[in-house]
């Protein structure tokens, strides 16, 4: 019976969701997550991540 249940994607998803405890979001948080990302936010993330990267050498090592 378990093998038959596991063939059903809905049963697989339900078992997965039972296994992990995901946060519950309110409507405001959902709307915030679904809003478009503006270019200034992308630029800020890009600058932040590029400042953390080590400088790369363009030389090939043999």
PDB file of N, CA and C in Angstrom:
ATOM      1  N   UNK A   1       0.823  -1.200   0.000  1.00  0.00           N
ATOM      2  CA  UNK A   1       0.000   0.000   0.000  1.00  0.00           C
ATOM      3  C   UNK A   1       0.864   1.259   0.000  1.00  0.00           C
ATOM      4  N   UNK A   2       1.963   1.266   0.716  1.00  0.00           N
ATOM      5  CA  UNK A   2       2.820   2.448   0.775  1.00  0.00           C
ATOM      6  C   UNK A   2       3.408   2.782  -0.584  1.00  0.00           C
ATOM      7  N   UNK A   3       3.795   1.770  -1.352  1.00  0.00           N
ATOM      8  CA  UNK A   3       4.332   2.020  -2.681  1.00  0.00           C
ATOM      9  C   UNK A   3       3.293   2.677  -3.575  1.00  0.00           C
ATOM     10  N   UNK A   4       2.057   2.234  -3.452  1.00  0.00           N
ATOM     11  CA  UNK A   4       0.980   2.838  -4.238  1.00  0.00           C
ATOM     12  C   UNK A   4       0.763   4.297  -3.836  1.00  0.00           C
ATOM     13  N   UNK A   5       0.840   4.577  -2.535  1.00  0.00           N
ATOM     14  CA  UNK A   5       0.669   5.948  -2.052  1.00  0.00           C
ATOM     15  C   UNK A   5       1.785   6.844  -2.572  1.00  0.00           C
ATOM     16  N   UNK A   6       2.996   6.337  -2.600  1.00  0.00           N
ATOM     17  CA  UNK A   6       4.142   7.141  -3.013  1.00  0.00           C
ATOM     18  C   UNK A   6       4.127   7.463  -4.506  1.00  0.00           C
ATOM     19  N   UNK A   7       3.353   6.727  -5.289  1.00  0.00           N
ATOM     20  CA  UNK A   7       3.234   7.043  -6.713  1.00  0.00           C
ATOM     21  C   UNK A   7       2.403   8.300  -6.930  1.00  0.00           C
ATOM     22  N   UNK A   8       1.547   8.620  -5.969  1.00  0.00           N
ATOM     23  CA  UNK A   8       0.689   9.789  -6.065  1.00  0.00           C
ATOM     24  C   UNK A   8       1.481  11.018  -5.606  1.00  0.00           C
ATOM     25  N   UNK A   9       1.697  12.000  -6.490  1.00  0.00           N
ATOM     26  CA  UNK A   9       2.491  13.186  -6.109  1.00  0.00           C
ATOM     27  C   UNK A   9       1.903  13.954  -4.933  1.00  0.00           C
ATOM     28  N   UNK A  10       0.596  13.973  -4.816  1.00  0.00           N
ATOM     29  CA  UNK A  10      -0.046  14.689  -3.705  1.00  0.00           C
ATOM     30  C   UNK A  10       0.313  14.044  -2.364  1.00  0.00           C
ATOM     31  N   UNK A  11       0.337  12.722  -2.332  1.00  0.00           N
ATOM     32  CA  UNK A  11       0.686  11.998  -1.107  1.00  0.00           C
ATOM     33  C   UNK A  11       2.146  12.264  -0.764  1.00  0.00           C
ATOM     34  N   UNK A  12       3.009  12.275  -1.780  1.00  0.00           N
ATOM     35  CA  UNK A  12       4.428  12.563  -1.544  1.00  0.00           C
ATOM     36  C   UNK A  12       4.594  13.963  -0.953  1.00  0.00           C
ATOM     37  N   UNK A  13       3.857  14.928  -1.507  1.00  0.00           N
ATOM     38  CA  UNK A  13       3.959  16.303  -1.016  1.00  0.00           C
ATOM     39  C   UNK A  13       3.447  16.397   0.418  1.00  0.00           C
ATOM     40  N   UNK A  14       2.331  15.756   0.696  1.00  0.00           N
ATOM     41  CA  UNK A  14       1.790  15.780   2.058  1.00  0.00           C
ATOM     42  C   UNK A  14       2.767  15.190   3.067  1.00  0.00           C
ATOM     43  N   UNK A  15       3.410  14.092   2.710  1.00  0.00           N
ATOM     44  CA  UNK A  15       4.390  13.472   3.610  1.00  0.00           C
ATOM     45  C   UNK A  15       5.588  14.398   3.828  1.00  0.00           C
ATOM     46  N   UNK A  16       6.016  15.064   2.774  1.00  0.00           N
ATOM     47  CA  UNK A  16       7.118  16.013   2.879  1.00  0.00           C
ATOM     48  C   UNK A  16       6.751  17.163   3.822  1.00  0.00           C
ATOM     49  N   UNK A  17       5.571  17.726   3.642  1.00  0.00           N
ATOM     50  CA  UNK A  17       5.141  18.851   4.470  1.00  0.00           C
ATOM     51  C   UNK A  17       4.946  18.449   5.927  1.00  0.00           C
ATOM     52  N   UNK A  18       4.553  17.223   6.169  1.00  0.00           N
ATOM     53  CA  UNK A  18       4.413  16.731   7.541  1.00  0.00           C
ATOM     54  C   UNK A  18       5.782  16.611   8.218  1.00  0.00           C
ATOM     55  N   UNK A  19       6.784  16.292   7.425  1.00  0.00           N
ATOM     56  CA  UNK A  19       8.122  16.052   7.963  1.00  0.00           C
ATOM     57  C   UNK A  19       8.793  17.355   8.423  1.00  0.00           C
ATOM     58  N   UNK A  20       8.555  18.450   7.720  1.00  0.00           N
ATOM     59  CA  UNK A  20       9.224  19.715   8.018  1.00  0.00           C
ATOM     60  C   UNK A  20       8.221  20.733   8.538  1.00  0.00           C
ATOM     61  N   UNK A  21       8.693  21.603   9.410  1.00  0.00           N
ATOM     62  CA  UNK A  21       7.840  22.630   9.996  1.00  0.00           C
ATOM     63  C   UNK A  21       8.141  23.957   9.303  1.00  0.00           C
ATOM     64  N   UNK A  22       7.279  24.359   8.387  1.00  0.00           N
ATOM     65  CA  UNK A  22       7.481  25.593   7.647  1.00  0.00           C
ATOM     66  C   UNK A  22       6.792  26.752   8.363  1.00  0.00           C
ATOM     67  N   UNK A  23       7.340  27.967   8.225  1.00  0.00           N
ATOM     68  CA  UNK A  23       6.730  29.118   8.891  1.00  0.00           C
ATOM     69  C   UNK A  23       5.360  29.438   8.285  1.00  0.00           C
ATOM     70  N   UNK A  24       4.483  29.963   9.115  1.00  0.00           N
ATOM     71  CA  UNK A  24       3.173  30.413   8.655  1.00  0.00           C
ATOM     72  C   UNK A  24       3.264  31.918   8.413  1.00  0.00           C
ATOM     73  N   UNK A  25       2.868  32.351   7.228  1.00  0.00           N
ATOM     74  CA  UNK A  25       2.944  33.764   6.884  1.00  0.00           C
ATOM     75  C   UNK A  25       1.565  34.394   6.892  1.00  0.00           C
ATOM     76  N   UNK A  26       1.527  35.660   7.317  1.00  0.00           N
ATOM     77  CA  UNK A  26       0.260  36.383   7.252  1.00  0.00           C
ATOM     78  C   UNK A  26       0.135  37.030   5.867  1.00  0.00           C
ATOM     79  N   UNK A  27      -1.005  37.633   5.593  1.00  0.00           N
ATOM     80  CA  UNK A  27      -1.278  38.188   4.262  1.00  0.00           C
ATOM     81  C   UNK A  27      -0.274  39.275   3.881  1.00  0.00           C
ATOM     82  N   UNK A  28       0.119  40.109   4.829  1.00  0.00           N
ATOM     83  CA  UNK A  28       1.071  41.190   4.552  1.00  0.00           C
ATOM     84  C   UNK A  28       2.426  40.622   4.116  1.00  0.00           C
ATOM     85  N   UNK A  29       2.889  39.588   4.794  1.00  0.00           N
ATOM     86  CA  UNK A  29       4.165  38.965   4.434  1.00  0.00           C
ATOM     87  C   UNK A  29       4.083  38.309   3.055  1.00  0.00           C
ATOM     88  N   UNK A  30       2.963  37.698   2.751  1.00  0.00           N
ATOM     89  CA  UNK A  30       2.784  37.066   1.441  1.00  0.00           C
ATOM     90  C   UNK A  30       2.805  38.115   0.338  1.00  0.00           C
ATOM     91  N   UNK A  31       2.114  39.223   0.556  1.00  0.00           N
ATOM     92  CA  UNK A  31       2.093  40.295  -0.438  1.00  0.00           C
ATOM     93  C   UNK A  31       3.489  40.879  -0.638  1.00  0.00           C
ATOM     94  N   UNK A  32       4.241  41.010   0.449  1.00  0.00           N
ATOM     95  CA  UNK A  32       5.603  41.526   0.346  1.00  0.00           C
ATOM     96  C   UNK A  32       6.487  40.580  -0.468  1.00  0.00           C
ATOM     97  N   UNK A  33       6.333  39.284  -0.255  1.00  0.00           N
ATOM     98  CA  UNK A  33       7.125  38.312  -1.011  1.00  0.00           C
ATOM     99  C   UNK A  33       6.735  38.270  -2.484  1.00  0.00           C
ATOM    100  N   UNK A  34       5.498  38.579  -2.790  1.00  0.00           N
ATOM    101  CA  UNK A  34       5.011  38.515  -4.161  1.00  0.00           C
ATOM    102  C   UNK A  34       5.200  39.812  -4.946  1.00  0.00           C
ATOM    103  N   UNK A  35       5.662  40.856  -4.287  1.00  0.00           N
ATOM    104  CA  UNK A  35       5.813  42.130  -4.989  1.00  0.00           C
ATOM    105  C   UNK A  35       7.007  42.092  -5.942  1.00  0.00           C
ATOM    106  N   UNK A  36       6.972  42.934  -6.960  1.00  0.00           N
ATOM    107  CA  UNK A  36       8.120  42.986  -7.887  1.00  0.00           C
ATOM    108  C   UNK A  36       9.369  43.524  -7.179  1.00  0.00           C
ATOM    109  N   UNK A  37      10.507  43.086  -7.626  1.00  0.00           N
ATOM    110  CA  UNK A  37      11.778  43.576  -7.093  1.00  0.00           C
ATOM    111  C   UNK A  37      12.191  44.786  -7.924  1.00  0.00           C
ATOM    112  N   UNK A  38      12.507  45.895  -7.250  1.00  0.00           N
ATOM    113  CA  UNK A  38      12.893  47.095  -7.988  1.00  0.00           C
ATOM    114  C   UNK A  38      14.394  47.100  -8.238  1.00  0.00           C
ATOM    115  N   UNK A  39      14.803  47.844  -9.247  1.00  0.00           N
ATOM    116  CA  UNK A  39      16.198  47.822  -9.677  1.00  0.00           C
ATOM    117  C   UNK A  39      17.160  48.278  -8.586  1.00  0.00           C
ATOM    118  N   UNK A  40      16.745  49.218  -7.727  1.00  0.00           N
ATOM    119  CA  UNK A  40      17.653  49.672  -6.661  1.00  0.00           C
ATOM    120  C   UNK A  40      17.944  48.551  -5.673  1.00  0.00           C
ATOM    121  N   UNK A  41      16.973  47.674  -5.443  1.00  0.00           N
ATOM    122  CA  UNK A  41      17.208  46.526  -4.563  1.00  0.00           C
ATOM    123  C   UNK A  41      18.201  45.559  -5.196  1.00  0.00           C
ATOM    124  N   UNK A  42      18.064  45.335  -6.493  1.00  0.00           N
ATOM    125  CA  UNK A  42      18.998  44.456  -7.195  1.00  0.00           C
ATOM    126  C   UNK A  42      20.412  45.032  -7.165  1.00  0.00           C
ATOM    127  N   UNK A  43      20.525  46.339  -7.375  1.00  0.00           N
ATOM    128  CA  UNK A  43      21.834  46.982  -7.344  1.00  0.00           C
ATOM    129  C   UNK A  43      22.469  46.863  -5.964  1.00  0.00           C
ATOM    130  N   UNK A  44      21.683  47.042  -4.911  1.00  0.00           N
ATOM    131  CA  UNK A  44      22.205  46.960  -3.544  1.00  0.00           C
ATOM    132  C   UNK A  44      22.719  45.555  -3.255  1.00  0.00           C
ATOM    133  N   UNK A  45      21.972  44.543  -3.654  1.00  0.00           N
ATOM    134  CA  UNK A  45      22.398  43.166  -3.433  1.00  0.00           C
ATOM    135  C   UNK A  45      23.648  42.869  -4.248  1.00  0.00           C
ATOM    136  N   UNK A  46      23.680  43.338  -5.469  1.00  0.00           N
ATOM    137  CA  UNK A  46      24.828  43.112  -6.338  1.00  0.00           C
ATOM    138  C   UNK A  46      26.084  43.754  -5.749  1.00  0.00           C
ATOM    139  N   UNK A  47      25.980  44.979  -5.264  1.00  0.00           N
ATOM    140  CA  UNK A  47      27.125  45.667  -4.668  1.00  0.00           C
ATOM    141  C   UNK A  47      27.578  44.964  -3.394  1.00  0.00           C
ATOM    142  N   UNK A  48      26.636  44.539  -2.607  1.00  0.00           N
ATOM    143  CA  UNK A  48      26.961  43.867  -1.347  1.00  0.00           C
ATOM    144  C   UNK A  48      27.698  42.557  -1.612  1.00  0.00           C
ATOM    145  N   UNK A  49      27.218  41.785  -2.572  1.00  0.00           N
ATOM    146  CA  UNK A  49      27.850  40.498  -2.844  1.00  0.00           C
ATOM    147  C   UNK A  49      29.205  40.674  -3.530  1.00  0.00           C
ATOM    148  N   UNK A  50      29.335  41.686  -4.381  1.00  0.00           N
ATOM    149  CA  UNK A  50      30.617  41.873  -5.065  1.00  0.00           C
ATOM    150  C   UNK A  50      31.692  42.386  -4.117  1.00  0.00           C
ATOM    151  N   UNK A  51      31.308  43.098  -3.059  1.00  0.00           N
ATOM    152  CA  UNK A  51      32.298  43.589  -2.098  1.00  0.00           C
ATOM    153  C   UNK A  51      32.831  42.459  -1.222  1.00  0.00           C
ATOM    154  N   UNK A  52      32.100  41.359  -1.115  1.00  0.00           N
ATOM    155  CA  UNK A  52      32.529  40.232  -0.304  1.00  0.00           C
ATOM    156  C   UNK A  52      33.415  39.262  -1.071  1.00  0.00           C
ATOM    157  N   UNK A  53      33.408  39.351  -2.393  1.00  0.00           N
ATOM    158  CA  UNK A  53      34.185  38.407  -3.190  1.00  0.00           C
ATOM    159  C   UNK A  53      35.657  38.780  -3.167  1.00  0.00           C
ATOM    160  N   UNK A  54      36.500  37.751  -3.219  1.00  0.00           N
ATOM    161  CA  UNK A  54      37.931  37.969  -3.293  1.00  0.00           C
ATOM    162  C   UNK A  54      38.283  38.364  -4.722  1.00  0.00           C
ATOM    163  N   UNK A  55      39.294  39.205  -4.901  1.00  0.00           N
ATOM    164  CA  UNK A  55      39.712  39.527  -6.266  1.00  0.00           C
ATOM    165  C   UNK A  55      40.208  38.270  -6.971  1.00  0.00           C
ATOM    166  N   UNK A  56      39.852  38.151  -8.220  1.00  0.00           N
ATOM    167  CA  UNK A  56      40.251  36.980  -8.985  1.00  0.00           C
ATOM    168  C   UNK A  56      41.465  37.284  -9.844  1.00  0.00           C
ATOM    169  N   UNK A  57      42.310  36.317  -9.958  1.00  0.00           N
ATOM    170  CA  UNK A  57      43.467  36.442 -10.833  1.00  0.00           C
ATOM    171  C   UNK A  57      43.072  35.977 -12.219  1.00  0.00           C
ATOM    172  N   UNK A  58      43.513  36.715 -13.231  1.00  0.00           N
ATOM    173  CA  UNK A  58      43.193  36.343 -14.608  1.00  0.00           C
ATOM    174  C   UNK A  58      44.268  35.417 -15.176  1.00  0.00           C
ATOM    175  N   UNK A  59      45.289  35.137 -14.420  1.00  0.00           N
ATOM    176  CA  UNK A  59      46.362  34.286 -14.906  1.00  0.00           C
ATOM    177  C   UNK A  59      45.977  32.823 -14.800  1.00  0.00           C
ATOM    178  N   UNK A  60      46.378  32.078 -15.782  1.00  0.00           N
ATOM    179  CA  UNK A  60      46.134  30.642 -15.768  1.00  0.00           C
ATOM    180  C   UNK A  60      47.269  29.973 -15.023  1.00  0.00           C
ATOM    181  N   UNK A  61      46.930  29.061 -14.179  1.00  0.00           N
ATOM    182  CA  UNK A  61      47.944  28.321 -13.419  1.00  0.00           C
ATOM    183  C   UNK A  61      48.132  26.957 -14.047  1.00  0.00           C
ATOM    184  N   UNK A  62      49.391  26.547 -14.177  1.00  0.00           N
ATOM    185  CA  UNK A  62      49.623  25.222 -14.768  1.00  0.00           C
ATOM    186  C   UNK A  62      50.205  24.276 -13.751  1.00  0.00           C
TER     187      UNK A  62
END
